[in-house]
Amino acid sequence: SWVYINGVFVELEILVFLPEGWSIASYMALAIQMANIFPAIYMWFITRGYPIKNSYVIYSLFTMGILCTILLSILWKKTTTIRGSQHSIALLLLVFLGGAVDCTTSVVFLPLQALFKDTYSSALSTGEACSSLVVGLIGLIQFAKQPQLFGLSSFFQIIAGVLVISCCAYYFMDSNGPSINKII
């Protein structure tokens, strides 16, 4: 669920060559914190009794995360001139949107967890923890040799692939519903 944001920070050593330099990390952290408005909005709708189908929200989050990651693979180094200075607006906007996805998944996946046996409840936390492990391992493979094995654009495309696999796994769970407890 935090694959996107963890992936962006794994690539920080490349991103510091953008016009913002090392300040890019602070700007990205700020963008992610601002994205926390999305889980708050989601919870506002839920607590007001709006009928929101959780699976639609999850598929929307996967779609947005995959699209943002693909766009990030294309636009990460694009800059915009503002008042005569170059700024990484595309990157920061995509970090904000990806942050919205990642922050919201933490809230949206909890009702899904309630469908499963209590013995499987730690799987969600383990999965979230492993998301950073997977991204970190991909980053280590990327920089295992000099020169690096693949570039930043390819890294984000691989992360998009991880999100597609995650979406397929969710589709399996969603299509089997509560009966998945018998499968697991």
N, C-alpha and C. Protein backbone atom coordinates (compact mmCIF):
# COMPACT_ATOMS: atom_id res chain seq x y z
N SER A 1 0.80 -1.20 0.00
CA SER A 1 0.00 0.00 0.00
C SER A 1 0.85 1.26 0.00
N TRP A 2 2.08 1.17 0.41
CA TRP A 2 2.96 2.33 0.38
C TRP A 2 4.08 2.15 -0.64
N VAL A 3 3.82 1.33 -1.64
CA VAL A 3 4.83 1.04 -2.66
C VAL A 3 5.26 2.31 -3.39
N TYR A 4 4.30 3.13 -3.75
CA TYR A 4 4.57 4.34 -4.56
C TYR A 4 5.51 5.30 -3.82
N ILE A 5 5.12 5.70 -2.62
CA ILE A 5 5.91 6.68 -1.88
C ILE A 5 7.25 6.11 -1.48
N ASN A 6 7.27 4.85 -1.04
CA ASN A 6 8.56 4.24 -0.72
C ASN A 6 9.47 4.22 -1.94
N GLY A 7 8.88 3.96 -3.11
CA GLY A 7 9.66 3.96 -4.35
C GLY A 7 10.25 5.31 -4.67
N VAL A 8 9.49 6.36 -4.45
CA VAL A 8 10.01 7.71 -4.72
C VAL A 8 11.20 8.00 -3.81
N PHE A 9 11.11 7.64 -2.54
CA PHE A 9 12.21 7.93 -1.63
C PHE A 9 13.41 7.01 -1.84
N VAL A 10 13.21 5.81 -2.36
CA VAL A 10 14.34 4.94 -2.69
C VAL A 10 15.20 5.60 -3.77
N GLU A 11 14.56 6.36 -4.64
CA GLU A 11 15.26 7.01 -5.76
C GLU A 11 15.76 8.41 -5.43
N LEU A 12 15.76 8.77 -4.18
CA LEU A 12 16.15 10.11 -3.76
C LEU A 12 17.56 10.50 -4.23
N GLU A 13 18.47 9.54 -4.25
CA GLU A 13 19.83 9.87 -4.65
C GLU A 13 19.93 10.33 -6.11
N ILE A 14 18.93 9.98 -6.91
CA ILE A 14 18.87 10.49 -8.29
C ILE A 14 18.07 11.78 -8.33
N LEU A 15 17.00 11.84 -7.56
CA LEU A 15 16.12 13.01 -7.58
C LEU A 15 16.80 14.27 -7.06
N VAL A 16 17.85 14.14 -6.27
CA VAL A 16 18.53 15.33 -5.74
C VAL A 16 19.22 16.13 -6.84
N PHE A 17 19.32 15.56 -8.04
CA PHE A 17 19.92 16.29 -9.16
C PHE A 17 18.90 17.17 -9.88
N LEU A 18 17.65 17.14 -9.42
CA LEU A 18 16.65 18.05 -9.95
C LEU A 18 16.94 19.46 -9.43
N PRO A 19 16.31 20.48 -9.99
CA PRO A 19 16.64 21.86 -9.60
C PRO A 19 16.54 22.16 -8.10
N GLU A 20 15.68 21.45 -7.38
CA GLU A 20 15.52 21.71 -5.95
C GLU A 20 16.66 21.17 -5.11
N GLY A 21 17.49 20.30 -5.69
CA GLY A 21 18.58 19.70 -4.94
C GLY A 21 18.05 18.84 -3.81
N TRP A 22 18.76 18.86 -2.67
CA TRP A 22 18.35 18.05 -1.53
C TRP A 22 17.04 18.53 -0.92
N SER A 23 16.62 19.74 -1.23
CA SER A 23 15.33 20.24 -0.73
C SER A 23 14.16 19.47 -1.31
N ILE A 24 14.39 18.73 -2.39
CA ILE A 24 13.29 17.97 -3.01
C ILE A 24 12.67 17.00 -2.00
N ALA A 25 13.49 16.47 -1.09
CA ALA A 25 12.96 15.54 -0.07
C ALA A 25 11.95 16.24 0.83
N SER A 26 12.24 17.47 1.23
CA SER A 26 11.31 18.23 2.07
C SER A 26 10.04 18.57 1.32
N TYR A 27 10.18 18.96 0.06
CA TYR A 27 9.00 19.27 -0.75
C TYR A 27 8.13 18.03 -0.93
N MET A 28 8.76 16.87 -1.15
CA MET A 28 7.99 15.63 -1.31
C MET A 28 7.29 15.26 -0.01
N ALA A 29 7.99 15.40 1.11
CA ALA A 29 7.37 15.09 2.41
C ALA A 29 6.17 16.00 2.65
N LEU A 30 6.29 17.27 2.30
CA LEU A 30 5.18 18.21 2.45
C LEU A 30 4.00 17.81 1.55
N ALA A 31 4.29 17.42 0.31
CA ALA A 31 3.24 16.99 -0.61
C ALA A 31 2.51 15.77 -0.06
N ILE A 32 3.24 14.84 0.51
CA ILE A 32 2.63 13.62 1.08
C ILE A 32 1.77 13.98 2.29
N GLN A 33 2.27 14.87 3.14
CA GLN A 33 1.48 15.27 4.30
C GLN A 33 0.20 15.98 3.89
N MET A 34 0.28 16.80 2.84
CA MET A 34 -0.93 17.47 2.34
C MET A 34 -1.92 16.45 1.78
N ALA A 35 -1.42 15.35 1.26
CA ALA A 35 -2.29 14.30 0.70
C ALA A 35 -3.10 13.59 1.77
N ASN A 36 -2.74 13.77 3.03
CA ASN A 36 -3.52 13.16 4.11
C ASN A 36 -4.93 13.71 4.20
N ILE A 37 -5.24 14.73 3.43
CA ILE A 37 -6.61 15.24 3.40
C ILE A 37 -7.55 14.20 2.79
N PHE A 38 -7.04 13.36 1.90
CA PHE A 38 -7.89 12.38 1.22
C PHE A 38 -8.46 11.31 2.17
N PRO A 39 -7.66 10.73 3.06
CA PRO A 39 -8.28 9.81 4.02
C PRO A 39 -9.29 10.52 4.92
N ALA A 40 -9.01 11.77 5.26
CA ALA A 40 -9.95 12.52 6.09
C ALA A 40 -11.27 12.74 5.34
N ILE A 41 -11.18 13.07 4.06
CA ILE A 41 -12.40 13.24 3.26
C ILE A 41 -13.16 11.92 3.16
N TYR A 42 -12.43 10.84 2.92
CA TYR A 42 -13.07 9.51 2.85
C TYR A 42 -13.80 9.20 4.15
N MET A 43 -13.14 9.42 5.26
CA MET A 43 -13.75 9.12 6.56
C MET A 43 -14.94 10.05 6.83
N TRP A 44 -14.88 11.29 6.37
CA TRP A 44 -16.00 12.20 6.53
C TRP A 44 -17.23 11.63 5.84
N PHE A 45 -17.06 11.14 4.60
CA PHE A 45 -18.17 10.55 3.87
C PHE A 45 -18.69 9.30 4.57
N ILE A 46 -17.81 8.47 5.06
CA ILE A 46 -18.20 7.22 5.73
C ILE A 46 -18.98 7.53 7.01
N THR A 47 -18.47 8.46 7.81
CA THR A 47 -19.14 8.76 9.08
C THR A 47 -20.47 9.47 8.88
N ARG A 48 -20.69 10.04 7.72
CA ARG A 48 -21.96 10.71 7.41
C ARG A 48 -22.97 9.74 6.79
N GLY A 49 -22.57 8.47 6.64
CA GLY A 49 -23.48 7.46 6.15
C GLY A 49 -23.64 7.40 4.64
N TYR A 50 -22.73 8.04 3.91
CA TYR A 50 -22.81 7.97 2.45
C TYR A 50 -22.51 6.53 2.01
N PRO A 51 -23.30 5.99 1.10
CA PRO A 51 -23.08 4.61 0.67
C PRO A 51 -21.89 4.52 -0.30
N ILE A 52 -20.76 4.17 0.23
CA ILE A 52 -19.55 4.04 -0.59
C ILE A 52 -19.16 2.57 -0.59
N LYS A 53 -19.11 1.98 -1.77
CA LYS A 53 -18.71 0.58 -1.87
C LYS A 53 -17.18 0.52 -1.79
N ASN A 54 -16.71 -0.16 -0.78
CA ASN A 54 -15.27 -0.21 -0.51
C ASN A 54 -14.47 -0.74 -1.70
N SER A 55 -14.99 -1.75 -2.37
CA SER A 55 -14.23 -2.33 -3.49
C SER A 55 -14.06 -1.31 -4.62
N TYR A 56 -15.05 -0.45 -4.85
CA TYR A 56 -14.91 0.58 -5.88
C TYR A 56 -13.79 1.56 -5.52
N VAL A 57 -13.73 1.91 -4.25
CA VAL A 57 -12.67 2.82 -3.79
C VAL A 57 -11.31 2.16 -3.97
N ILE A 58 -11.20 0.89 -3.62
CA ILE A 58 -9.92 0.19 -3.73
C ILE A 58 -9.49 0.08 -5.19
N TYR A 59 -10.40 -0.29 -6.08
CA TYR A 59 -10.04 -0.35 -7.51
C TYR A 59 -9.66 1.03 -8.03
N SER A 60 -10.34 2.06 -7.57
CA SER A 60 -9.99 3.43 -7.98
C SER A 60 -8.60 3.80 -7.50
N LEU A 61 -8.28 3.42 -6.27
CA LEU A 61 -6.94 3.70 -5.73
C LEU A 61 -5.87 2.96 -6.52
N PHE A 62 -6.11 1.69 -6.82
CA PHE A 62 -5.15 0.95 -7.63
C PHE A 62 -4.96 1.62 -8.99
N THR A 63 -6.06 1.99 -9.63
CA THR A 63 -5.98 2.62 -10.95
C THR A 63 -5.21 3.92 -10.89
N MET A 64 -5.53 4.74 -9.90
CA MET A 64 -4.83 6.02 -9.76
C MET A 64 -3.35 5.80 -9.45
N GLY A 65 -3.04 4.84 -8.60
CA GLY A 65 -1.65 4.54 -8.27
C GLY A 65 -0.85 4.06 -9.47
N ILE A 66 -1.46 3.19 -10.26
CA ILE A 66 -0.78 2.68 -11.47
C ILE A 66 -0.57 3.80 -12.47
N LEU A 67 -1.60 4.61 -12.69
CA LEU A 67 -1.47 5.73 -13.63
C LEU A 67 -0.43 6.75 -13.17
N CYS A 68 -0.44 7.06 -11.88
CA CYS A 68 0.55 8.01 -11.35
C CYS A 68 1.97 7.47 -11.50
N THR A 69 2.14 6.19 -11.28
CA THR A 69 3.48 5.59 -11.39
C THR A 69 3.95 5.60 -12.83
N ILE A 70 3.07 5.29 -13.76
CA ILE A 70 3.44 5.34 -15.18
C ILE A 70 3.77 6.77 -15.58
N LEU A 71 2.93 7.72 -15.17
CA LEU A 71 3.21 9.13 -15.48
C LEU A 71 4.52 9.58 -14.85
N LEU A 72 4.78 9.12 -13.64
CA LEU A 72 6.04 9.47 -12.96
C LEU A 72 7.23 8.94 -13.74
N SER A 73 7.10 7.76 -14.32
CA SER A 73 8.21 7.20 -15.11
C SER A 73 8.52 8.07 -16.34
N ILE A 74 7.52 8.81 -16.80
CA ILE A 74 7.69 9.66 -17.98
C ILE A 74 8.07 11.09 -17.60
N LEU A 75 7.47 11.60 -16.53
CA LEU A 75 7.56 13.03 -16.23
C LEU A 75 8.47 13.41 -15.07
N TRP A 76 9.17 12.45 -14.44
CA TRP A 76 9.90 12.74 -13.22
C TRP A 76 10.95 13.84 -13.39
N LYS A 77 11.53 13.96 -14.56
CA LYS A 77 12.59 14.97 -14.72
C LYS A 77 12.13 16.24 -15.43
N LYS A 78 10.84 16.30 -15.77
CA LYS A 78 10.31 17.50 -16.42
C LYS A 78 10.24 18.64 -15.42
N THR A 79 10.66 19.81 -15.86
CA THR A 79 10.61 20.98 -14.99
C THR A 79 9.78 22.07 -15.64
N THR A 80 9.33 22.97 -14.80
CA THR A 80 8.53 24.11 -15.24
C THR A 80 9.22 25.38 -14.77
N THR A 81 9.25 26.37 -15.63
CA THR A 81 9.86 27.64 -15.26
C THR A 81 8.82 28.52 -14.57
N ILE A 82 9.14 28.92 -13.36
CA ILE A 82 8.28 29.82 -12.59
C ILE A 82 9.17 30.96 -12.10
N ARG A 83 8.84 32.18 -12.53
CA ARG A 83 9.61 33.37 -12.16
C ARG A 83 11.09 33.21 -12.45
N GLY A 84 11.38 32.60 -13.58
CA GLY A 84 12.76 32.46 -14.03
C GLY A 84 13.54 31.30 -13.42
N SER A 85 12.91 30.51 -12.57
CA SER A 85 13.59 29.36 -11.95
C SER A 85 12.89 28.07 -12.36
N GLN A 86 13.66 27.02 -12.45
CA GLN A 86 13.13 25.69 -12.79
C GLN A 86 12.61 25.01 -11.52
N HIS A 87 11.44 24.36 -11.65
CA HIS A 87 10.85 23.64 -10.53
C HIS A 87 10.28 22.32 -11.03
N SER A 88 10.31 21.31 -10.18
CA SER A 88 9.84 19.96 -10.51
C SER A 88 8.36 19.82 -10.17
N ILE A 89 7.53 20.61 -10.81
CA ILE A 89 6.09 20.64 -10.50
C ILE A 89 5.43 19.30 -10.82
N ALA A 90 5.76 18.69 -11.96
CA ALA A 90 5.15 17.41 -12.33
C ALA A 90 5.46 16.34 -11.28
N LEU A 91 6.71 16.25 -10.87
CA LEU A 91 7.10 15.28 -9.84
C LEU A 91 6.33 15.52 -8.55
N LEU A 92 6.30 16.77 -8.10
CA LEU A 92 5.64 17.07 -6.83
C LEU A 92 4.13 16.83 -6.90
N LEU A 93 3.52 17.15 -8.02
CA LEU A 93 2.09 16.88 -8.18
C LEU A 93 1.82 15.37 -8.15
N LEU A 94 2.67 14.61 -8.83
CA LEU A 94 2.49 13.15 -8.85
C LEU A 94 2.81 12.53 -7.49
N VAL A 95 3.74 13.11 -6.75
CA VAL A 95 4.00 12.63 -5.38
C VAL A 95 2.78 12.92 -4.50
N PHE A 96 2.18 14.09 -4.68
CA PHE A 96 0.96 14.42 -3.95
C PHE A 96 -0.15 13.41 -4.25
N LEU A 97 -0.38 13.14 -5.53
CA LEU A 97 -1.44 12.19 -5.92
C LEU A 97 -1.12 10.77 -5.45
N GLY A 98 0.15 10.37 -5.59
CA GLY A 98 0.55 9.06 -5.09
C GLY A 98 0.45 8.98 -3.58
N GLY A 99 0.75 10.09 -2.92
CA GLY A 99 0.58 10.15 -1.46
C GLY A 99 -0.88 10.00 -1.08
N ALA A 100 -1.77 10.59 -1.89
CA ALA A 100 -3.20 10.45 -1.65
C ALA A 100 -3.61 8.99 -1.72
N VAL A 101 -3.08 8.28 -2.70
CA VAL A 101 -3.37 6.85 -2.84
C VAL A 101 -2.85 6.08 -1.63
N ASP A 102 -1.58 6.27 -1.32
CA ASP A 102 -0.96 5.50 -0.25
C ASP A 102 -1.57 5.81 1.12
N CYS A 103 -1.81 7.09 1.39
CA CYS A 103 -2.41 7.46 2.68
C CYS A 103 -3.82 6.90 2.81
N THR A 104 -4.57 6.91 1.73
CA THR A 104 -5.96 6.47 1.79
C THR A 104 -6.07 4.94 1.92
N THR A 105 -5.11 4.22 1.36
CA THR A 105 -5.19 2.75 1.47
C THR A 105 -5.14 2.29 2.92
N SER A 106 -4.42 3.01 3.74
CA SER A 106 -4.34 2.60 5.15
C SER A 106 -5.71 2.61 5.81
N VAL A 107 -6.59 3.51 5.38
CA VAL A 107 -7.93 3.60 5.95
C VAL A 107 -8.90 2.66 5.25
N VAL A 108 -8.75 2.51 3.95
CA VAL A 108 -9.71 1.75 3.14
C VAL A 108 -9.53 0.24 3.32
N PHE A 109 -8.32 -0.22 3.56
CA PHE A 109 -8.10 -1.65 3.67
C PHE A 109 -8.59 -2.23 5.00
N LEU A 110 -8.78 -1.41 6.01
CA LEU A 110 -9.21 -1.94 7.31
C LEU A 110 -10.58 -2.62 7.26
N PRO A 111 -11.60 -2.03 6.59
CA PRO A 111 -12.88 -2.76 6.50
C PRO A 111 -12.74 -4.08 5.73
N LEU A 112 -11.83 -4.13 4.78
CA LEU A 112 -11.59 -5.36 4.04
C LEU A 112 -11.05 -6.44 4.99
N GLN A 113 -10.21 -6.02 5.89
CA GLN A 113 -9.62 -6.96 6.84
C GLN A 113 -10.69 -7.64 7.69
N ALA A 114 -11.77 -6.94 7.96
CA ALA A 114 -12.85 -7.49 8.79
C ALA A 114 -13.55 -8.68 8.15
N LEU A 115 -13.39 -8.87 6.84
CA LEU A 115 -14.03 -9.98 6.15
C LEU A 115 -13.32 -11.31 6.40
N PHE A 116 -12.11 -11.24 6.91
CA PHE A 116 -11.30 -12.44 7.05
C PHE A 116 -11.25 -12.91 8.49
N LYS A 117 -10.85 -14.16 8.65
CA LYS A 117 -10.69 -14.74 9.98
C LYS A 117 -9.69 -13.90 10.78
N ASP A 118 -9.89 -13.87 12.08
CA ASP A 118 -9.00 -13.11 12.94
C ASP A 118 -7.55 -13.55 12.81
N THR A 119 -7.34 -14.83 12.53
CA THR A 119 -5.97 -15.34 12.43
C THR A 119 -5.21 -14.72 11.26
N TYR A 120 -5.94 -14.14 10.30
CA TYR A 120 -5.28 -13.52 9.14
C TYR A 120 -5.13 -12.01 9.29
N SER A 121 -5.54 -11.46 10.42
CA SER A 121 -5.54 -10.00 10.56
C SER A 121 -4.15 -9.39 10.50
N SER A 122 -3.13 -10.13 10.89
CA SER A 122 -1.79 -9.57 10.83
C SER A 122 -1.25 -9.54 9.40
N ALA A 123 -1.92 -10.22 8.47
CA ALA A 123 -1.46 -10.23 7.09
C ALA A 123 -1.46 -8.84 6.47
N LEU A 124 -2.44 -8.01 6.82
CA LEU A 124 -2.48 -6.65 6.28
C LEU A 124 -1.27 -5.85 6.73
N SER A 125 -0.95 -5.91 8.02
CA SER A 125 0.21 -5.18 8.53
C SER A 125 1.50 -5.72 7.93
N THR A 126 1.58 -7.03 7.80
CA THR A 126 2.76 -7.64 7.21
C THR A 126 2.91 -7.21 5.76
N GLY A 127 1.80 -7.18 5.04
CA GLY A 127 1.83 -6.75 3.64
C GLY A 127 2.27 -5.32 3.49
N GLU A 128 1.77 -4.44 4.35
CA GLU A 128 2.19 -3.04 4.30
C GLU A 128 3.68 -2.92 4.60
N ALA A 129 4.16 -3.68 5.58
CA ALA A 129 5.58 -3.63 5.92
C ALA A 129 6.44 -4.16 4.77
N CYS A 130 5.97 -5.22 4.12
CA CYS A 130 6.74 -5.82 3.02
C CYS A 130 6.74 -4.94 1.78
N SER A 131 5.78 -4.03 1.67
CA SER A 131 5.76 -3.17 0.49
C SER A 131 7.04 -2.34 0.41
N SER A 132 7.54 -1.88 1.54
CA SER A 132 8.79 -1.13 1.50
C SER A 132 9.98 -2.06 1.28
N LEU A 133 9.88 -3.29 1.74
CA LEU A 133 10.94 -4.27 1.51
C LEU A 133 11.09 -4.57 0.03
N VAL A 134 9.96 -4.78 -0.65
CA VAL A 134 9.98 -5.08 -2.09
C VAL A 134 10.62 -3.93 -2.86
N VAL A 135 10.18 -2.71 -2.55
CA VAL A 135 10.71 -1.53 -3.24
C VAL A 135 12.21 -1.37 -2.95
N GLY A 136 12.59 -1.59 -1.70
CA GLY A 136 14.01 -1.49 -1.35
C GLY A 136 14.87 -2.51 -2.08
N LEU A 137 14.37 -3.73 -2.21
CA LEU A 137 15.11 -4.76 -2.94
C LEU A 137 15.25 -4.42 -4.42
N ILE A 138 14.18 -3.87 -5.01
CA ILE A 138 14.27 -3.45 -6.42
C ILE A 138 15.31 -2.34 -6.55
N GLY A 139 15.33 -1.42 -5.59
CA GLY A 139 16.34 -0.36 -5.60
C GLY A 139 17.75 -0.90 -5.45
N LEU A 140 17.94 -1.90 -4.59
CA LEU A 140 19.27 -2.50 -4.44
C LEU A 140 19.72 -3.20 -5.72
N ILE A 141 18.79 -3.88 -6.38
CA ILE A 141 19.12 -4.53 -7.65
C ILE A 141 19.50 -3.48 -8.68
N GLN A 142 18.76 -2.38 -8.69
CA GLN A 142 19.02 -1.29 -9.65
C GLN A 142 20.45 -0.77 -9.52
N PHE A 143 20.92 -0.60 -8.29
CA PHE A 143 22.24 -0.01 -8.05
C PHE A 143 23.30 -1.05 -7.70
N ALA A 144 23.04 -2.33 -8.02
CA ALA A 144 23.98 -3.40 -7.67
C ALA A 144 25.30 -3.28 -8.41
N LYS A 145 25.26 -2.69 -9.58
CA LYS A 145 26.48 -2.55 -10.39
C LYS A 145 26.63 -1.11 -10.84
N GLN A 146 27.84 -0.76 -11.17
CA GLN A 146 28.10 0.55 -11.78
C GLN A 146 28.42 0.33 -13.23
N PRO A 147 27.77 0.95 -14.17
CA PRO A 147 26.64 1.86 -13.96
C PRO A 147 25.41 1.08 -13.53
N GLN A 148 24.41 1.80 -13.05
CA GLN A 148 23.19 1.14 -12.55
C GLN A 148 22.57 0.27 -13.62
N LEU A 149 21.90 -0.79 -13.18
CA LEU A 149 21.33 -1.77 -14.11
C LEU A 149 20.18 -1.20 -14.94
N PHE A 150 19.39 -0.31 -14.36
CA PHE A 150 18.29 0.32 -15.10
C PHE A 150 18.04 1.70 -14.50
N GLY A 151 17.47 2.56 -15.31
CA GLY A 151 17.26 3.94 -14.91
C GLY A 151 16.01 4.16 -14.07
N LEU A 152 15.82 5.41 -13.73
CA LEU A 152 14.70 5.79 -12.88
C LEU A 152 13.36 5.53 -13.55
N SER A 153 13.25 5.80 -14.83
CA SER A 153 11.99 5.55 -15.54
C SER A 153 11.64 4.06 -15.49
N SER A 154 12.63 3.20 -15.71
CA SER A 154 12.39 1.76 -15.65
C SER A 154 12.01 1.33 -14.24
N PHE A 155 12.64 1.94 -13.24
CA PHE A 155 12.31 1.64 -11.84
C PHE A 155 10.83 1.89 -11.59
N PHE A 156 10.33 3.05 -12.01
CA PHE A 156 8.93 3.37 -11.77
C PHE A 156 8.01 2.47 -12.60
N GLN A 157 8.45 2.03 -13.75
CA GLN A 157 7.65 1.08 -14.53
C GLN A 157 7.56 -0.27 -13.81
N ILE A 158 8.65 -0.69 -13.19
CA ILE A 158 8.63 -1.92 -12.40
C ILE A 158 7.67 -1.77 -11.21
N ILE A 159 7.70 -0.61 -10.57
CA ILE A 159 6.79 -0.36 -9.45
C ILE A 159 5.34 -0.40 -9.94
N ALA A 160 5.08 0.13 -11.12
CA ALA A 160 3.73 0.05 -11.70
C ALA A 160 3.34 -1.41 -11.88
N GLY A 161 4.30 -2.25 -12.29
CA GLY A 161 4.04 -3.68 -12.42
C GLY A 161 3.70 -4.33 -11.08
N VAL A 162 4.39 -3.92 -10.03
CA VAL A 162 4.10 -4.43 -8.69
C VAL A 162 2.66 -4.05 -8.30
N LEU A 163 2.27 -2.83 -8.63
CA LEU A 163 0.90 -2.39 -8.33
C LEU A 163 -0.13 -3.18 -9.13
N VAL A 164 0.19 -3.50 -10.37
CA VAL A 164 -0.73 -4.31 -11.18
C VAL A 164 -0.89 -5.69 -10.56
N ILE A 165 0.21 -6.29 -10.11
CA ILE A 165 0.15 -7.60 -9.45
C ILE A 165 -0.70 -7.50 -8.17
N SER A 166 -0.51 -6.44 -7.42
CA SER A 166 -1.30 -6.23 -6.20
C SER A 166 -2.78 -6.10 -6.52
N CYS A 167 -3.09 -5.39 -7.59
CA CYS A 167 -4.48 -5.23 -8.00
C CYS A 167 -5.09 -6.57 -8.40
N CYS A 168 -4.32 -7.39 -9.10
CA CYS A 168 -4.80 -8.73 -9.47
C CYS A 168 -5.05 -9.58 -8.23
N ALA A 169 -4.17 -9.48 -7.24
CA ALA A 169 -4.36 -10.23 -6.00
C ALA A 169 -5.63 -9.76 -5.28
N TYR A 170 -5.86 -8.45 -5.29
CA TYR A 170 -7.09 -7.95 -4.68
C TYR A 170 -8.31 -8.43 -5.45
N TYR A 171 -8.22 -8.45 -6.76
CA TYR A 171 -9.34 -8.93 -7.58
C TYR A 171 -9.69 -10.37 -7.19
N PHE A 172 -8.66 -11.20 -6.97
CA PHE A 172 -8.88 -12.58 -6.54
C PHE A 172 -9.65 -12.62 -5.22
N MET A 173 -9.21 -11.78 -4.27
CA MET A 173 -9.90 -11.75 -2.97
C MET A 173 -11.31 -11.21 -3.11
N ASP A 174 -11.47 -10.15 -3.90
CA ASP A 174 -12.77 -9.51 -4.06
C ASP A 174 -13.77 -10.43 -4.77
N SER A 175 -13.30 -11.15 -5.76
CA SER A 175 -14.21 -12.01 -6.52
C SER A 175 -14.60 -13.26 -5.74
N ASN A 176 -13.79 -13.65 -4.74
CA ASN A 176 -14.12 -14.81 -3.93
C ASN A 176 -14.87 -14.44 -2.65
N GLY A 177 -14.89 -13.15 -2.31
CA GLY A 177 -15.65 -12.67 -1.15
C GLY A 177 -15.28 -13.40 0.13
N PRO A 178 -16.22 -13.47 1.06
CA PRO A 178 -15.95 -14.12 2.35
C PRO A 178 -15.57 -15.59 2.21
N SER A 179 -15.91 -16.22 1.10
CA SER A 179 -15.55 -17.63 0.92
C SER A 179 -14.04 -17.83 0.81
N ILE A 180 -13.31 -16.75 0.66
CA ILE A 180 -11.86 -16.86 0.57
C ILE A 180 -11.27 -17.45 1.86
N ASN A 181 -11.97 -17.32 2.97
CA ASN A 181 -11.51 -17.91 4.21
C ASN A 181 -11.34 -19.42 4.09
N LYS A 182 -12.14 -20.04 3.23
CA LYS A 182 -12.03 -21.48 3.00
C LYS A 182 -10.85 -21.81 2.09
N ILE A 183 -10.49 -20.85 1.22
CA ILE A 183 -9.39 -21.05 0.26
C ILE A 183 -8.06 -20.91 0.97
N ILE A 184 -7.97 -19.94 1.87
CA ILE A 184 -6.69 -19.62 2.52
C ILE A 184 -6.35 -20.68 3.53
